[in-house]
Amino acid sequence: EPNGPAPLVVAFTDPKTKYVMSETFDPKGEAFTKFLTEFKAGNLEKHLKSEGEQDNEGKANKVLTARNFESLVDGSKDAFVEFYAPWCGHCKSLAPQWEAMAEQLQEGGNEENIVVGKFDATANDVPEQFEVQGFPTIYWVPKGQLNSPVKYQGGRSTEDLVKYAKENASGDIKLKDEL
């Protein structure tokens, strides 16, 4: 373009909520006016940095993204969420224990009471109720308390994680050998 690339137009409603104009900005065009009109009317979808669709069917440890987070961690049950970075050594060493904990809870038939998931905080915008400054960061989200997550500070063995889930669950958590 003669004067360099067209500017990126972004509107913010708060520091974490942004709306991006997808059309190319042209001072003589209608795209900018249309963007402002739609923004004021509340018709725009907020812009999220997010991984694409995930197939979580049958998975004990759900892959959470900025786009699917609200549908999977919706407050209807407890949630145990690990925020991680793919390059993080501590996250890599936690991964097998986290997976084993999720599988133990699934084998006990606890899907109605709890959702377990992992969230790549480098590829997705982190939901605003979570403070993630280091990796891994683990939160327990009590049923019905989406905006009051509790930072998990316990041990990182499968047993520690399962014990915490059982002790903090709002519903009854059973393991396979207790059925």
Protein backbone atom coordinates (compact mmCIF):
# COMPACT_ATOMS: atom_id res chain seq x y z
CA GLU A 1 0.00 0.00 0.00
CA PRO A 2 1.30 3.49 -0.76
CA ASN A 3 1.43 4.72 2.86
CA GLY A 4 2.14 1.38 4.53
CA PRO A 5 -0.36 -1.17 5.81
CA ALA A 6 -3.85 -0.11 6.83
CA PRO A 7 -4.25 0.51 10.59
CA LEU A 8 -5.73 -2.15 12.80
CA VAL A 9 -8.93 -0.90 14.44
CA VAL A 10 -9.65 -2.21 17.94
CA ALA A 11 -12.28 -1.12 20.47
CA PHE A 12 -11.99 -1.94 24.20
CA THR A 13 -14.78 -2.05 26.77
CA ASP A 14 -12.30 -2.87 29.57
CA PRO A 15 -8.58 -3.75 29.60
CA LYS A 16 -9.26 -7.42 28.74
CA THR A 17 -12.27 -7.19 26.41
CA LYS A 18 -11.51 -6.18 22.85
CA TYR A 19 -13.35 -6.04 19.55
CA VAL A 20 -11.33 -6.09 16.33
CA MET A 21 -12.51 -4.70 12.99
CA SER A 22 -12.04 -7.55 10.51
CA GLU A 23 -12.42 -5.47 7.35
CA THR A 24 -9.51 -3.38 6.06
CA PHE A 25 -9.65 0.19 7.28
CA ASP A 26 -10.30 2.72 4.55
CA PRO A 27 -10.96 6.32 5.58
CA LYS A 28 -13.32 6.73 2.62
CA GLY A 29 -15.01 3.36 3.06
CA GLU A 30 -18.04 2.32 5.06
CA ALA A 31 -16.33 -0.47 7.03
CA PHE A 32 -15.24 1.80 9.90
CA THR A 33 -18.68 3.43 10.27
CA LYS A 34 -20.31 0.00 10.17
CA PHE A 35 -17.83 -1.30 12.80
CA LEU A 36 -18.63 1.61 15.16
CA THR A 37 -22.38 1.22 14.65
CA GLU A 38 -22.24 -2.53 15.35
CA PHE A 39 -19.94 -1.97 18.36
CA LYS A 40 -22.32 0.63 19.89
CA ALA A 41 -25.27 -1.69 19.29
CA GLY A 42 -23.48 -4.54 21.10
CA ASN A 43 -23.59 -6.77 18.02
CA LEU A 44 -19.89 -7.60 17.77
CA GLU A 45 -18.31 -10.80 19.03
CA LYS A 46 -15.45 -10.12 21.42
CA HIS A 47 -12.03 -10.99 20.09
CA LEU A 48 -10.36 -13.92 21.83
CA LYS A 49 -6.96 -15.41 21.32
CA SER A 50 -7.99 -19.05 21.24
CA GLU A 51 -7.04 -22.43 19.93
CA GLY A 52 -9.54 -23.96 17.51
CA GLU A 53 -12.29 -26.49 18.11
CA GLN A 54 -11.36 -29.43 20.36
CA ASP A 55 -12.74 -32.95 20.32
CA ASN A 56 -13.25 -33.64 24.02
CA GLU A 57 -15.69 -36.52 23.55
CA GLY A 58 -14.92 -39.19 26.13
CA LYS A 59 -11.78 -37.41 27.39
CA ALA A 60 -11.28 -37.39 31.15
CA ASN A 61 -8.97 -34.36 30.90
CA LYS A 62 -10.74 -31.83 28.67
CA VAL A 63 -8.73 -29.50 26.45
CA LEU A 64 -10.00 -26.06 27.45
CA THR A 65 -9.67 -23.01 25.20
CA ALA A 66 -10.78 -19.39 25.41
CA ARG A 67 -13.70 -20.28 23.11
CA ASN A 68 -14.97 -23.46 24.83
CA PHE A 69 -14.16 -22.51 28.44
CA GLU A 70 -17.55 -21.02 29.35
CA SER A 71 -19.45 -23.98 27.89
CA LEU A 72 -17.39 -26.59 29.79
CA VAL A 73 -16.68 -24.66 33.01
CA ASP A 74 -20.19 -23.25 33.34
CA GLY A 75 -20.79 -23.41 37.09
CA SER A 76 -23.12 -26.42 36.90
CA LYS A 77 -20.45 -28.62 38.51
CA ASP A 78 -17.08 -28.32 40.21
CA ALA A 79 -14.09 -27.77 37.95
CA PHE A 80 -10.39 -28.55 38.44
CA VAL A 81 -8.33 -26.59 35.90
CA GLU A 82 -4.62 -26.58 35.13
CA PHE A 83 -3.25 -23.52 33.35
CA TYR A 84 0.00 -24.51 31.64
CA ALA A 85 2.59 -23.56 29.05
CA PRO A 86 3.78 -26.24 26.59
CA TRP A 87 7.44 -25.34 27.17
CA CYS A 88 7.22 -25.44 30.98
CA GLY A 89 9.23 -28.25 32.60
CA HIS A 90 7.09 -28.38 35.77
CA CYS A 91 3.98 -28.65 33.57
CA LYS A 92 5.49 -31.54 31.63
CA SER A 93 6.28 -33.39 34.85
CA LEU A 94 2.76 -32.72 36.21
CA ALA A 95 1.02 -33.87 33.00
CA PRO A 96 0.97 -37.66 33.71
CA GLN A 97 -0.27 -37.14 37.30
CA TRP A 98 -2.95 -34.70 36.13
CA GLU A 99 -4.08 -37.09 33.41
CA ALA A 100 -4.15 -40.03 35.85
CA MET A 101 -6.22 -38.00 38.34
CA ALA A 102 -8.71 -37.07 35.60
CA GLU A 103 -8.97 -40.72 34.50
CA GLN A 104 -9.52 -41.94 38.07
CA LEU A 105 -12.34 -39.45 38.52
CA GLN A 106 -13.87 -40.44 35.17
CA GLU A 107 -13.62 -44.18 35.95
CA GLY A 108 -15.56 -43.50 39.15
CA GLY A 109 -18.40 -42.06 37.05
CA ASN A 110 -18.12 -38.50 38.33
CA GLU A 111 -18.84 -36.58 35.09
CA GLU A 112 -22.07 -35.17 36.52
CA ASN A 113 -20.22 -33.63 39.48
CA ILE A 114 -16.85 -32.46 38.16
CA VAL A 115 -15.02 -31.39 35.02
CA VAL A 116 -11.23 -31.66 34.82
CA GLY A 117 -9.34 -29.72 32.19
CA LYS A 118 -6.07 -28.27 30.98
CA PHE A 119 -5.74 -24.79 29.49
CA ASP A 120 -2.76 -23.66 27.39
CA ALA A 121 -2.33 -20.12 28.73
CA THR A 122 0.13 -19.25 25.94
CA ALA A 123 -2.31 -20.02 23.11
CA ASN A 124 -5.51 -18.67 24.70
CA ASP A 125 -6.70 -15.56 26.52
CA VAL A 126 -7.08 -16.58 30.18
CA PRO A 127 -10.58 -15.91 31.57
CA GLU A 128 -10.43 -12.77 33.71
CA GLN A 129 -11.40 -14.39 37.03
CA PHE A 130 -8.12 -16.35 37.03
CA GLU A 131 -4.74 -14.88 37.93
CA VAL A 132 -2.05 -16.84 36.12
CA GLN A 133 1.50 -15.56 36.55
CA GLY A 134 3.52 -18.77 36.60
CA PHE A 135 3.15 -22.31 35.30
CA PRO A 136 1.52 -24.55 36.12
CA THR A 137 -1.22 -22.68 37.97
CA ILE A 138 -4.10 -24.85 39.18
CA TYR A 139 -7.53 -23.67 40.25
CA TRP A 140 -10.51 -25.36 41.85
CA VAL A 141 -13.78 -23.76 40.76
CA PRO A 142 -16.59 -24.69 43.17
CA LYS A 143 -19.98 -25.45 41.65
CA GLY A 144 -22.02 -22.26 41.31
CA GLN A 145 -19.01 -20.03 42.06
CA LEU A 146 -17.51 -19.33 38.65
CA ASN A 147 -16.15 -15.97 39.73
CA SER A 148 -14.58 -17.27 42.95
CA PRO A 149 -11.98 -19.82 41.88
CA VAL A 150 -9.65 -21.15 44.57
CA LYS A 151 -5.94 -21.43 43.81
CA TYR A 152 -4.72 -24.98 44.47
CA GLN A 153 -1.56 -25.02 46.61
CA GLY A 154 -1.34 -28.75 47.41
CA GLY A 155 0.92 -31.58 46.33
CA ARG A 156 1.26 -32.64 42.71
CA SER A 157 0.99 -36.41 42.96
CA THR A 158 -2.06 -38.15 41.49
CA GLU A 159 -3.08 -39.13 45.04
CA ASP A 160 -2.83 -35.53 46.29
CA LEU A 161 -4.95 -34.24 43.40
CA VAL A 162 -7.62 -36.95 43.78
CA LYS A 163 -7.76 -36.41 47.55
CA TYR A 164 -8.23 -32.66 47.08
CA ALA A 165 -11.03 -33.22 44.55
CA LYS A 166 -12.81 -35.64 46.90
CA GLU A 167 -12.46 -33.32 49.92
CA ASN A 168 -13.59 -30.17 48.09
CA ALA A 169 -16.29 -31.52 45.79
CA SER A 170 -19.79 -30.18 46.25
CA GLY A 171 -21.18 -33.54 45.12
CA ASP A 172 -20.21 -37.07 46.08
CA ILE A 173 -17.00 -38.20 44.36
CA LYS A 174 -16.42 -41.95 44.10
CA LEU A 175 -13.42 -43.83 42.80
CA LYS A 176 -13.63 -47.07 40.82
CA ASP A 177 -12.64 -49.26 43.80
CA GLU A 178 -15.38 -47.64 45.93
CA LEU A 179 -18.22 -48.48 43.55
